[in-house]
């Protein structure tokens, strides 16, 4: 979370490094959130309907499918590490 004291420097000016870093952390968190949601929906479909939506859309065993699975896994790890704060 960005607090007033972290954004503003002692000289009364906005510290762009803090704002830039925090805005990127927020964006990364949103991307991770949605990737975990997509992964959860995909696993729900696999369990309930035996249908892998990501593999059906991107091609089973394709590089794109593997990248999506990797990103979902990394997003879950990122979110778990973020919960410790």
Protein backbone atom coordinates (compact mmCIF):
# COMPACT_ATOMS: atom_id res chain seq x y z
CA UNK A 1 0.00 0.00 0.00
CA UNK A 2 1.24 3.47 -0.83
CA UNK A 3 1.20 5.80 2.14
CA UNK A 4 1.43 9.57 2.19
CA UNK A 5 4.82 9.55 3.89
CA UNK A 6 6.38 7.25 1.31
CA UNK A 7 5.22 9.18 -1.74
CA UNK A 8 6.23 12.62 -0.58
CA UNK A 9 9.87 13.39 0.10
CA UNK A 10 11.19 15.69 2.77
CA UNK A 11 11.40 18.47 0.22
CA UNK A 12 7.64 18.32 -0.35
CA UNK A 13 7.93 16.80 -3.83
CA UNK A 14 6.56 13.49 -5.03
CA UNK A 15 9.16 10.72 -5.11
CA UNK A 16 8.69 9.24 -8.62
CA UNK A 17 10.73 6.12 -7.81
CA UNK A 18 8.29 5.10 -5.10
CA UNK A 19 5.22 5.84 -7.21
CA UNK A 20 6.66 3.97 -10.21
CA UNK A 21 7.63 0.93 -8.11
CA UNK A 22 4.30 0.73 -6.31
CA UNK A 23 2.26 1.14 -9.50
CA UNK A 24 4.16 -1.76 -11.08
CA UNK A 25 3.64 -3.92 -8.00
CA UNK A 26 -0.08 -3.17 -8.17
CA UNK A 27 -0.23 -4.06 -11.89
CA UNK A 28 1.75 -7.26 -11.34
CA UNK A 29 -0.63 -8.19 -8.53
CA UNK A 30 -3.66 -7.67 -10.79
CA UNK A 31 -2.13 -9.78 -13.56
CA UNK A 32 -1.28 -12.54 -11.07
CA UNK A 33 -4.81 -12.39 -9.65
CA UNK A 34 -6.43 -12.88 -13.05
CA UNK A 35 -4.04 -15.63 -14.08
CA UNK A 36 -4.84 -17.53 -10.89
CA UNK A 37 -8.57 -17.06 -11.58
CA UNK A 38 -8.10 -18.40 -15.13
CA UNK A 39 -6.12 -21.35 -13.77
CA UNK A 40 -8.78 -22.09 -11.17
CA UNK A 41 -11.57 -22.01 -13.74
CA UNK A 42 -9.53 -24.26 -16.03
CA UNK A 43 -8.92 -26.79 -13.24
CA UNK A 44 -12.60 -26.66 -12.33
CA UNK A 45 -13.50 -27.50 -15.91
CA UNK A 46 -10.95 -30.33 -15.95
CA UNK A 47 -12.41 -31.79 -12.75
CA UNK A 48 -16.08 -31.36 -13.58
CA UNK A 49 -16.27 -31.80 -17.33
CA UNK A 50 -12.92 -33.39 -18.20
CA UNK A 51 -12.29 -30.40 -20.51
CA UNK A 52 -8.97 -28.51 -20.53
CA UNK A 53 -10.02 -25.14 -21.91
CA UNK A 54 -6.48 -23.74 -22.18
CA UNK A 55 -5.30 -26.78 -24.16
CA UNK A 56 -8.41 -26.65 -26.36
CA UNK A 57 -7.92 -22.98 -27.19
CA UNK A 58 -4.13 -22.91 -27.55
CA UNK A 59 -3.48 -26.50 -28.65
CA UNK A 60 -2.64 -29.46 -26.45
CA UNK A 61 1.09 -29.64 -25.74
CA UNK A 62 1.85 -26.39 -27.57
CA UNK A 63 4.42 -23.91 -26.34
CA UNK A 64 1.69 -21.33 -25.74
CA UNK A 65 -0.20 -23.76 -23.49
CA UNK A 66 2.95 -24.50 -21.50
CA UNK A 67 3.64 -20.77 -21.11
CA UNK A 68 0.12 -20.16 -19.79
CA UNK A 69 0.48 -23.02 -17.29
CA UNK A 70 3.87 -21.68 -16.18
CA UNK A 71 2.49 -18.16 -15.75
CA UNK A 72 -0.46 -19.45 -13.72
CA UNK A 73 1.90 -21.38 -11.44
CA UNK A 74 4.24 -18.42 -11.01
CA UNK A 75 1.26 -16.19 -10.30
CA UNK A 76 0.09 -18.51 -7.54
CA UNK A 77 3.57 -18.46 -5.98
CA UNK A 78 3.67 -14.66 -6.27
CA UNK A 79 0.32 -14.37 -4.53
CA UNK A 80 1.38 -16.77 -1.76
CA UNK A 81 4.56 -14.79 -1.13
CA UNK A 82 2.55 -11.57 -1.11
CA UNK A 83 0.27 -12.91 1.63
CA UNK A 84 3.17 -13.04 4.10
CA UNK A 85 3.45 -9.23 4.20
